[in-house]
Every structure is written in structure tokens, then in C-alpha cells.
Amino acid sequence: QSGVCLCGIGCYSEYRYTTKEECRKALRGSRRDVCQR
């Protein structure tokens, strides 16, 4: 969210990363951040 990894409890469709590390990898470019635009 807004270019940072936020962890918590919510819907599967929004909290798509299991761990903070997985989320950080996505931020580093292995997955595109559509919020960037």
C-alpha cells in the first residue's frame, strides 16, 4: 500500500502475500506494483 508492505488481517484478495519477506520481494520488482502509477 502506497509503496510499502503493510501486514495485518483482512481479505485474501488484498493481503496476497503470506510473509513480509514475500511482500518485500514483490516491491523489489519480482511483481509489478500497479499502485506505482
ModelCIF file with pLDDT and N, C-alpha, C, O atoms, coordinates in Angstrom:
data_MODEL
#
_entry.id   MODEL 
#
_entity.id                         1 
_entity.type                       polymer 
_entity.pdbx_number_of_molecules   1 
#
_entity_poly.entity_id                      1 
_entity_poly.type                           'polypeptide(L)' 
_entity_poly.nstd_linkage                   no 
_entity_poly.nstd_monomer                   no 
_entity_poly.pdbx_seq_one_letter_code       QSGVCLCGIGCYSEYRYTTKEECRKALRGSRRDVCQR 
_entity_poly.pdbx_seq_one_letter_code_can   QSGVCLCGIGCYSEYRYTTKEECRKALRGSRRDVCQR 
_entity_poly.pdbx_strand_id                 A 
#
loop_
_entity_poly_seq.entity_id 
_entity_poly_seq.num 
_entity_poly_seq.mon_id 
_entity_poly_seq.hetero 
1 1  GLN n 
1 2  SER n 
1 3  GLY n 
1 4  VAL n 
1 5  CYS n 
1 6  LEU n 
1 7  CYS n 
1 8  GLY n 
1 9  ILE n 
1 10 GLY n 
1 11 CYS n 
1 12 TYR n 
1 13 SER n 
1 14 GLU n 
1 15 TYR n 
1 16 ARG n 
1 17 TYR n 
1 18 THR n 
1 19 THR n 
1 20 LYS n 
1 21 GLU n 
1 22 GLU n 
1 23 CYS n 
1 24 ARG n 
1 25 LYS n 
1 26 ALA n 
1 27 LEU n 
1 28 ARG n 
1 29 GLY n 
1 30 SER n 
1 31 ARG n 
1 32 ARG n 
1 33 ASP n 
1 34 VAL n 
1 35 CYS n 
1 36 GLN n 
1 37 ARG n 
#
_struct_asym.id          A 
_struct_asym.entity_id   1 
#
loop_
_ma_qa_metric.id 
_ma_qa_metric.mode 
_ma_qa_metric.name 
_ma_qa_metric.software_group_id 
_ma_qa_metric.type 
1 global pLDDT . pLDDT 
2 local  pLDDT . pLDDT 
#
_ma_qa_metric_global.metric_id      1 
_ma_qa_metric_global.metric_value   81.97 
_ma_qa_metric_global.model_id       1 
_ma_qa_metric_global.ordinal_id     1 
#
loop_
_ma_qa_metric_local.label_asym_id 
_ma_qa_metric_local.label_comp_id 
_ma_qa_metric_local.label_seq_id 
_ma_qa_metric_local.metric_id 
_ma_qa_metric_local.metric_value 
_ma_qa_metric_local.model_id 
_ma_qa_metric_local.ordinal_id 
A GLN 1  2 84.00 1 1  
A SER 2  2 78.00 1 2  
A GLY 3  2 80.00 1 3  
A VAL 4  2 87.00 1 4  
A CYS 5  2 90.00 1 5  
A LEU 6  2 91.00 1 6  
A CYS 7  2 93.00 1 7  
A GLY 8  2 92.00 1 8  
A ILE 9  2 89.00 1 9  
A GLY 10 2 86.00 1 10 
A CYS 11 2 85.00 1 11 
A TYR 12 2 81.00 1 12 
A SER 13 2 79.00 1 13 
A GLU 14 2 84.00 1 14 
A TYR 15 2 88.00 1 15 
A ARG 16 2 84.00 1 16 
A TYR 17 2 89.00 1 17 
A THR 18 2 89.00 1 18 
A THR 19 2 90.00 1 19 
A LYS 20 2 91.00 1 20 
A GLU 21 2 88.00 1 21 
A GLU 22 2 87.00 1 22 
A CYS 23 2 88.00 1 23 
A ARG 24 2 85.00 1 24 
A LYS 25 2 82.00 1 25 
A ALA 26 2 81.00 1 26 
A LEU 27 2 78.00 1 27 
A ARG 28 2 75.00 1 28 
A GLY 29 2 67.00 1 29 
A SER 30 2 47.00 1 30 
A ARG 31 2 55.00 1 31 
A ARG 32 2 66.00 1 32 
A ASP 33 2 71.00 1 33 
A VAL 34 2 82.00 1 34 
A CYS 35 2 85.00 1 35 
A GLN 36 2 82.00 1 36 
A ARG 37 2 84.00 1 37 
#
loop_
_atom_site.group_PDB 
_atom_site.id 
_atom_site.type_symbol 
_atom_site.label_atom_id 
_atom_site.label_alt_id 
_atom_site.label_comp_id 
_atom_site.label_asym_id 
_atom_site.label_entity_id 
_atom_site.label_seq_id 
_atom_site.pdbx_PDB_ins_code 
_atom_site.Cartn_x 
_atom_site.Cartn_y 
_atom_site.Cartn_z 
_atom_site.occupancy 
_atom_site.B_iso_or_equiv 
_atom_site.pdbx_formal_charge 
_atom_site.auth_seq_id 
_atom_site.auth_comp_id 
_atom_site.auth_asym_id 
_atom_site.auth_atom_id 
_atom_site.pdbx_PDB_model_num 
ATOM 1   N N  . GLN A 1 1  ? 0.849  -1.181  0.000   1.00 84.00 ? 1  GLN A N  1 
ATOM 2   C CA . GLN A 1 1  ? 0.000  0.000   0.000   1.00 84.00 ? 1  GLN A CA 1 
ATOM 3   C C  . GLN A 1 1  ? 0.883  1.228   0.000   1.00 84.00 ? 1  GLN A C  1 
ATOM 4   O O  . GLN A 1 1  ? 1.736  1.400   0.870   1.00 84.00 ? 1  GLN A O  1 
ATOM 5   N N  . SER A 1 2  ? 0.668  2.073   -0.979  1.00 78.00 ? 2  SER A N  1 
ATOM 6   C CA . SER A 1 2  ? 1.431  3.323   -1.122  1.00 78.00 ? 2  SER A CA 1 
ATOM 7   C C  . SER A 1 2  ? 2.932  3.065   -1.108  1.00 78.00 ? 2  SER A C  1 
ATOM 8   O O  . SER A 1 2  ? 3.699  3.828   -0.521  1.00 78.00 ? 2  SER A O  1 
ATOM 9   N N  . GLY A 1 3  ? 3.341  1.980   -1.761  1.00 80.00 ? 3  GLY A N  1 
ATOM 10  C CA . GLY A 1 3  ? 4.759  1.686   -1.924  1.00 80.00 ? 3  GLY A CA 1 
ATOM 11  C C  . GLY A 1 3  ? 5.455  1.034   -0.749  1.00 80.00 ? 3  GLY A C  1 
ATOM 12  O O  . GLY A 1 3  ? 6.678  0.900   -0.769  1.00 80.00 ? 3  GLY A O  1 
ATOM 13  N N  . VAL A 1 4  ? 4.715  0.618   0.287   1.00 87.00 ? 4  VAL A N  1 
ATOM 14  C CA . VAL A 1 4  ? 5.319  -0.069  1.427   1.00 87.00 ? 4  VAL A CA 1 
ATOM 15  C C  . VAL A 1 4  ? 4.517  -1.328  1.751   1.00 87.00 ? 4  VAL A C  1 
ATOM 16  O O  . VAL A 1 4  ? 3.339  -1.433  1.406   1.00 87.00 ? 4  VAL A O  1 
ATOM 17  N N  . CYS A 1 5  ? 5.163  -2.270  2.409   1.00 90.00 ? 5  CYS A N  1 
ATOM 18  C CA . CYS A 1 5  ? 4.497  -3.504  2.832   1.00 90.00 ? 5  CYS A CA 1 
ATOM 19  C C  . CYS A 1 5  ? 3.817  -3.272  4.170   1.00 90.00 ? 5  CYS A C  1 
ATOM 20  O O  . CYS A 1 5  ? 4.449  -2.834  5.132   1.00 90.00 ? 5  CYS A O  1 
ATOM 21  N N  . LEU A 1 6  ? 2.533  -3.566  4.224   1.00 91.00 ? 6  LEU A N  1 
ATOM 22  C CA . LEU A 1 6  ? 1.770  -3.488  5.465   1.00 91.00 ? 6  LEU A CA 1 
ATOM 23  C C  . LEU A 1 6  ? 1.221  -4.868  5.762   1.00 91.00 ? 6  LEU A C  1 
ATOM 24  O O  . LEU A 1 6  ? 0.650  -5.512  4.881   1.00 91.00 ? 6  LEU A O  1 
ATOM 25  N N  . CYS A 1 7  ? 1.386  -5.327  6.982   1.00 93.00 ? 7  CYS A N  1 
ATOM 26  C CA . CYS A 1 7  ? 0.911  -6.648  7.367   1.00 93.00 ? 7  CYS A CA 1 
ATOM 27  C C  . CYS A 1 7  ? -0.225 -6.495  8.368   1.00 93.00 ? 7  CYS A C  1 
ATOM 28  O O  . CYS A 1 7  ? -0.234 -5.574  9.185   1.00 93.00 ? 7  CYS A O  1 
ATOM 29  N N  . GLY A 1 8  ? -1.183 -7.414  8.288   1.00 92.00 ? 8  GLY A N  1 
ATOM 30  C CA . GLY A 1 8  ? -2.329 -7.373  9.176   1.00 92.00 ? 8  GLY A CA 1 
ATOM 31  C C  . GLY A 1 8  ? -3.300 -8.481  8.839   1.00 92.00 ? 8  GLY A C  1 
ATOM 32  O O  . GLY A 1 8  ? -2.914 -9.519  8.301   1.00 92.00 ? 8  GLY A O  1 
ATOM 33  N N  . ILE A 1 9  ? -4.557 -8.258  9.156   1.00 89.00 ? 9  ILE A N  1 
ATOM 34  C CA . ILE A 1 9  ? -5.610 -9.235  8.889   1.00 89.00 ? 9  ILE A CA 1 
ATOM 35  C C  . ILE A 1 9  ? -6.620 -8.579  7.973   1.00 89.00 ? 9  ILE A C  1 
ATOM 36  O O  . ILE A 1 9  ? -7.018 -7.435  8.195   1.00 89.00 ? 9  ILE A O  1 
ATOM 37  N N  . GLY A 1 10 ? -7.035 -9.299  6.944   1.00 86.00 ? 10 GLY A N  1 
ATOM 38  C CA . GLY A 1 10 ? -8.016 -8.766  6.003   1.00 86.00 ? 10 GLY A CA 1 
ATOM 39  C C  . GLY A 1 10 ? -8.401 -9.805  4.984   1.00 86.00 ? 10 GLY A C  1 
ATOM 40  O O  . GLY A 1 10 ? -8.144 -10.994 5.173   1.00 86.00 ? 10 GLY A O  1 
ATOM 41  N N  . CYS A 1 11 ? -9.014 -9.369  3.904   1.00 85.00 ? 11 CYS A N  1 
ATOM 42  C CA . CYS A 1 11 ? -9.476 -10.265 2.850   1.00 85.00 ? 11 CYS A CA 1 
ATOM 43  C C  . CYS A 1 11 ? -8.297 -10.917 2.129   1.00 85.00 ? 11 CYS A C  1 
ATOM 44  O O  . CYS A 1 11 ? -7.254 -10.290 1.939   1.00 85.00 ? 11 CYS A O  1 
ATOM 45  N N  . TYR A 1 12 ? -8.468 -12.187 1.726   1.00 81.00 ? 12 TYR A N  1 
ATOM 46  C CA . TYR A 1 12 ? -7.443 -12.887 0.954   1.00 81.00 ? 12 TYR A CA 1 
ATOM 47  C C  . TYR A 1 12 ? -7.032 -12.075 -0.270  1.00 81.00 ? 12 TYR A C  1 
ATOM 48  O O  . TYR A 1 12 ? -5.848 -11.987 -0.595  1.00 81.00 ? 12 TYR A O  1 
ATOM 49  N N  . SER A 1 13 ? -8.013 -11.486 -0.944  1.00 79.00 ? 13 SER A N  1 
ATOM 50  C CA . SER A 1 13 ? -7.719 -10.779 -2.191  1.00 79.00 ? 13 SER A CA 1 
ATOM 51  C C  . SER A 1 13 ? -6.830 -9.555  -1.988  1.00 79.00 ? 13 SER A C  1 
ATOM 52  O O  . SER A 1 13 ? -6.154 -9.131  -2.925  1.00 79.00 ? 13 SER A O  1 
ATOM 53  N N  . GLU A 1 14 ? -6.817 -8.983  -0.794  1.00 84.00 ? 14 GLU A N  1 
ATOM 54  C CA . GLU A 1 14 ? -5.987 -7.811  -0.543  1.00 84.00 ? 14 GLU A CA 1 
ATOM 55  C C  . GLU A 1 14 ? -4.675 -8.154  0.150   1.00 84.00 ? 14 GLU A C  1 
ATOM 56  O O  . GLU A 1 14 ? -3.639 -7.572  -0.171  1.00 84.00 ? 14 GLU A O  1 
ATOM 57  N N  . TYR A 1 15 ? -4.705 -9.074  1.078   1.00 88.00 ? 15 TYR A N  1 
ATOM 58  C CA . TYR A 1 15 ? -3.483 -9.489  1.786   1.00 88.00 ? 15 TYR A CA 1 
ATOM 59  C C  . TYR A 1 15 ? -2.912 -10.696 1.063   1.00 88.00 ? 15 TYR A C  1 
ATOM 60  O O  . TYR A 1 15 ? -2.957 -11.820 1.563   1.00 88.00 ? 15 TYR A O  1 
ATOM 61  N N  . ARG A 1 16 ? -2.378 -10.444 -0.116  1.00 84.00 ? 16 ARG A N  1 
ATOM 62  C CA . ARG A 1 16 ? -1.996 -11.519 -1.015  1.00 84.00 ? 16 ARG A CA 1 
ATOM 63  C C  . ARG A 1 16 ? -0.647 -12.151 -0.709  1.00 84.00 ? 16 ARG A C  1 
ATOM 64  O O  . ARG A 1 16 ? -0.343 -13.214 -1.251  1.00 84.00 ? 16 ARG A O  1 
ATOM 65  N N  . TYR A 1 17 ? 0.170  -11.542 0.135   1.00 89.00 ? 17 TYR A N  1 
ATOM 66  C CA . TYR A 1 17 ? 1.487  -12.080 0.462   1.00 89.00 ? 17 TYR A CA 1 
ATOM 67  C C  . TYR A 1 17 ? 1.446  -12.727 1.840   1.00 89.00 ? 17 TYR A C  1 
ATOM 68  O O  . TYR A 1 17 ? 0.910  -12.152 2.788   1.00 89.00 ? 17 TYR A O  1 
ATOM 69  N N  . THR A 1 18 ? 2.012  -13.919 1.946   1.00 89.00 ? 18 THR A N  1 
ATOM 70  C CA . THR A 1 18 ? 1.978  -14.665 3.193   1.00 89.00 ? 18 THR A CA 1 
ATOM 71  C C  . THR A 1 18 ? 2.915  -14.075 4.236   1.00 89.00 ? 18 THR A C  1 
ATOM 72  O O  . THR A 1 18 ? 2.587  -14.035 5.422   1.00 89.00 ? 18 THR A O  1 
ATOM 73  N N  . THR A 1 19 ? 4.078  -13.619 3.793   1.00 90.00 ? 19 THR A N  1 
ATOM 74  C CA . THR A 1 19 ? 5.067  -13.080 4.728   1.00 90.00 ? 19 THR A CA 1 
ATOM 75  C C  . THR A 1 19 ? 5.516  -11.685 4.301   1.00 90.00 ? 19 THR A C  1 
ATOM 76  O O  . THR A 1 19 ? 5.311  -11.274 3.159   1.00 90.00 ? 19 THR A O  1 
ATOM 77  N N  . LYS A 1 20 ? 6.124  -10.976 5.223   1.00 91.00 ? 20 LYS A N  1 
ATOM 78  C CA . LYS A 1 20 ? 6.655  -9.651  4.904   1.00 91.00 ? 20 LYS A CA 1 
ATOM 79  C C  . LYS A 1 20 ? 7.792  -9.765  3.884   1.00 91.00 ? 20 LYS A C  1 
ATOM 80  O O  . LYS A 1 20 ? 7.956  -8.894  3.030   1.00 91.00 ? 20 LYS A O  1 
ATOM 81  N N  . GLU A 1 21 ? 8.572  -10.838 3.978   1.00 88.00 ? 21 GLU A N  1 
ATOM 82  C CA . GLU A 1 21 ? 9.662  -11.037 3.022   1.00 88.00 ? 21 GLU A CA 1 
ATOM 83  C C  . GLU A 1 21 ? 9.125  -11.224 1.598   1.00 88.00 ? 21 GLU A C  1 
ATOM 84  O O  . GLU A 1 21 ? 9.673  -10.671 0.645   1.00 88.00 ? 21 GLU A O  1 
ATOM 85  N N  . GLU A 1 22 ? 8.063  -11.997 1.467   1.00 87.00 ? 22 GLU A N  1 
ATOM 86  C CA . GLU A 1 22 ? 7.444  -12.182 0.149   1.00 87.00 ? 22 GLU A CA 1 
ATOM 87  C C  . GLU A 1 22 ? 6.948  -10.842 -0.401  1.00 87.00 ? 22 GLU A C  1 
ATOM 88  O O  . GLU A 1 22 ? 7.097  -10.561 -1.590  1.00 87.00 ? 22 GLU A O  1 
ATOM 89  N N  . CYS A 1 23 ? 6.370  -10.032 0.456   1.00 88.00 ? 23 CYS A N  1 
ATOM 90  C CA . CYS A 1 23 ? 5.904  -8.709  0.070   1.00 88.00 ? 23 CYS A CA 1 
ATOM 91  C C  . CYS A 1 23 ? 7.083  -7.822  -0.359  1.00 88.00 ? 23 CYS A C  1 
ATOM 92  O O  . CYS A 1 23 ? 7.001  -7.121  -1.367  1.00 88.00 ? 23 CYS A O  1 
ATOM 93  N N  . ARG A 1 24 ? 8.160  -7.857  0.400   1.00 85.00 ? 24 ARG A N  1 
ATOM 94  C CA . ARG A 1 24 ? 9.348  -7.057  0.058   1.00 85.00 ? 24 ARG A CA 1 
ATOM 95  C C  . ARG A 1 24 ? 9.935  -7.464  -1.283  1.00 85.00 ? 24 ARG A C  1 
ATOM 96  O O  . ARG A 1 24 ? 10.387 -6.612  -2.049  1.00 85.00 ? 24 ARG A O  1 
ATOM 97  N N  . LYS A 1 25 ? 9.932  -8.770  -1.574  1.00 82.00 ? 25 LYS A N  1 
ATOM 98  C CA . LYS A 1 25 ? 10.415 -9.236  -2.877  1.00 82.00 ? 25 LYS A CA 1 
ATOM 99  C C  . LYS A 1 25 ? 9.550  -8.675  -3.995  1.00 82.00 ? 25 LYS A C  1 
ATOM 100 O O  . LYS A 1 25 ? 10.058 -8.293  -5.049  1.00 82.00 ? 25 LYS A O  1 
ATOM 101 N N  . ALA A 1 26 ? 8.246  -8.627  -3.764  1.00 81.00 ? 26 ALA A N  1 
ATOM 102 C CA . ALA A 1 26 ? 7.344  -8.057  -4.761  1.00 81.00 ? 26 ALA A CA 1 
ATOM 103 C C  . ALA A 1 26 ? 7.653  -6.577  -4.984  1.00 81.00 ? 26 ALA A C  1 
ATOM 104 O O  . ALA A 1 26 ? 7.598  -6.089  -6.113  1.00 81.00 ? 26 ALA A O  1 
ATOM 105 N N  . LEU A 1 27 ? 7.974  -5.877  -3.919  1.00 78.00 ? 27 LEU A N  1 
ATOM 106 C CA . LEU A 1 27 ? 8.326  -4.457  -4.042  1.00 78.00 ? 27 LEU A CA 1 
ATOM 107 C C  . LEU A 1 27 ? 9.630  -4.256  -4.814  1.00 78.00 ? 27 LEU A C  1 
ATOM 108 O O  . LEU A 1 27 ? 9.800  -3.255  -5.510  1.00 78.00 ? 27 LEU A O  1 
ATOM 109 N N  . ARG A 1 28 ? 10.540 -5.206  -4.687  1.00 75.00 ? 28 ARG A N  1 
ATOM 110 C CA . ARG A 1 28 ? 11.829 -5.095  -5.379  1.00 75.00 ? 28 ARG A CA 1 
ATOM 111 C C  . ARG A 1 28 ? 11.726 -5.396  -6.862  1.00 75.00 ? 28 ARG A C  1 
ATOM 112 O O  . ARG A 1 28 ? 12.711 -5.267  -7.588  1.00 75.00 ? 28 ARG A O  1 
ATOM 113 N N  . GLY A 1 29 ? 10.533 -5.800  -7.329  1.00 67.00 ? 29 GLY A N  1 
ATOM 114 C CA . GLY A 1 29 ? 10.382 -5.933  -8.769  1.00 67.00 ? 29 GLY A CA 1 
ATOM 115 C C  . GLY A 1 29 ? 10.032 -7.293  -9.301  1.00 67.00 ? 29 GLY A C  1 
ATOM 116 O O  . GLY A 1 29 ? 9.797  -7.431  -10.501 1.00 67.00 ? 29 GLY A O  1 
ATOM 117 N N  . SER A 1 30 ? 9.987  -8.318  -8.451  1.00 47.00 ? 30 SER A N  1 
ATOM 118 C CA . SER A 1 30 ? 9.606  -9.617  -8.998  1.00 47.00 ? 30 SER A CA 1 
ATOM 119 C C  . SER A 1 30 ? 8.145  -9.619  -9.429  1.00 47.00 ? 30 SER A C  1 
ATOM 120 O O  . SER A 1 30 ? 7.745  -10.446 -10.248 1.00 47.00 ? 30 SER A O  1 
ATOM 121 N N  . ARG A 1 31 ? 7.347  -8.708  -8.890  1.00 55.00 ? 31 ARG A N  1 
ATOM 122 C CA . ARG A 1 31 ? 5.967  -8.488  -9.315  1.00 55.00 ? 31 ARG A CA 1 
ATOM 123 C C  . ARG A 1 31 ? 5.769  -6.984  -9.458  1.00 55.00 ? 31 ARG A C  1 
ATOM 124 O O  . ARG A 1 31 ? 6.314  -6.204  -8.677  1.00 55.00 ? 31 ARG A O  1 
ATOM 125 N N  . ARG A 1 32 ? 5.003  -6.584  -10.439 1.00 66.00 ? 32 ARG A N  1 
ATOM 126 C CA . ARG A 1 32 ? 4.789  -5.170  -10.716 1.00 66.00 ? 32 ARG A CA 1 
ATOM 127 C C  . ARG A 1 32 ? 3.853  -4.527  -9.681  1.00 66.00 ? 32 ARG A C  1 
ATOM 128 O O  . ARG A 1 32 ? 2.811  -5.094  -9.353  1.00 66.00 ? 32 ARG A O  1 
ATOM 129 N N  . ASP A 1 33 ? 4.215  -3.371  -9.179  1.00 71.00 ? 33 ASP A N  1 
ATOM 130 C CA . ASP A 1 33 ? 3.389  -2.618  -8.243  1.00 71.00 ? 33 ASP A CA 1 
ATOM 131 C C  . ASP A 1 33 ? 2.476  -1.696  -9.045  1.00 71.00 ? 33 ASP A C  1 
ATOM 132 O O  . ASP A 1 33 ? 2.902  -0.632  -9.494  1.00 71.00 ? 33 ASP A O  1 
ATOM 133 N N  . VAL A 1 34 ? 1.214  -2.108  -9.227  1.00 82.00 ? 34 VAL A N  1 
ATOM 134 C CA . VAL A 1 34 ? 0.275  -1.311  -10.010 1.00 82.00 ? 34 VAL A CA 1 
ATOM 135 C C  . VAL A 1 34 ? -0.059 0.011   -9.332  1.00 82.00 ? 34 VAL A C  1 
ATOM 136 O O  . VAL A 1 34 ? -0.551 0.932   -9.984  1.00 82.00 ? 34 VAL A O  1 
ATOM 137 N N  . CYS A 1 35 ? 0.197  0.114   -8.053  1.00 85.00 ? 35 CYS A N  1 
ATOM 138 C CA . CYS A 1 35 ? -0.075 1.366   -7.334  1.00 85.00 ? 35 CYS A CA 1 
ATOM 139 C C  . CYS A 1 35 ? 0.973  2.431   -7.642  1.00 85.00 ? 35 CYS A C  1 
ATOM 140 O O  . CYS A 1 35 ? 0.774  3.605   -7.328  1.00 85.00 ? 35 CYS A O  1 
ATOM 141 N N  . GLN A 1 36 ? 2.081  2.035   -8.250  1.00 82.00 ? 36 GLN A N  1 
ATOM 142 C CA . GLN A 1 36 ? 3.162  2.965   -8.578  1.00 82.00 ? 36 GLN A CA 1 
ATOM 143 C C  . GLN A 1 36 ? 2.658  4.100   -9.464  1.00 82.00 ? 36 GLN A C  1 
ATOM 144 O O  . GLN A 1 36 ? 3.152  5.224   -9.372  1.00 82.00 ? 36 GLN A O  1 
ATOM 145 N N  . ARG A 1 37 ? 1.677  3.814   -10.323 1.00 84.00 ? 37 ARG A N  1 
ATOM 146 C CA . ARG A 1 37 ? 1.175  4.832   -11.250 1.00 84.00 ? 37 ARG A CA 1 
ATOM 147 C C  . ARG A 1 37 ? 0.069  5.692   -10.643 1.00 84.00 ? 37 ARG A C  1 
ATOM 148 O O  . ARG A 1 37 ? -0.449 6.590   -11.307 1.00 84.00 ? 37 ARG A O  1 
#
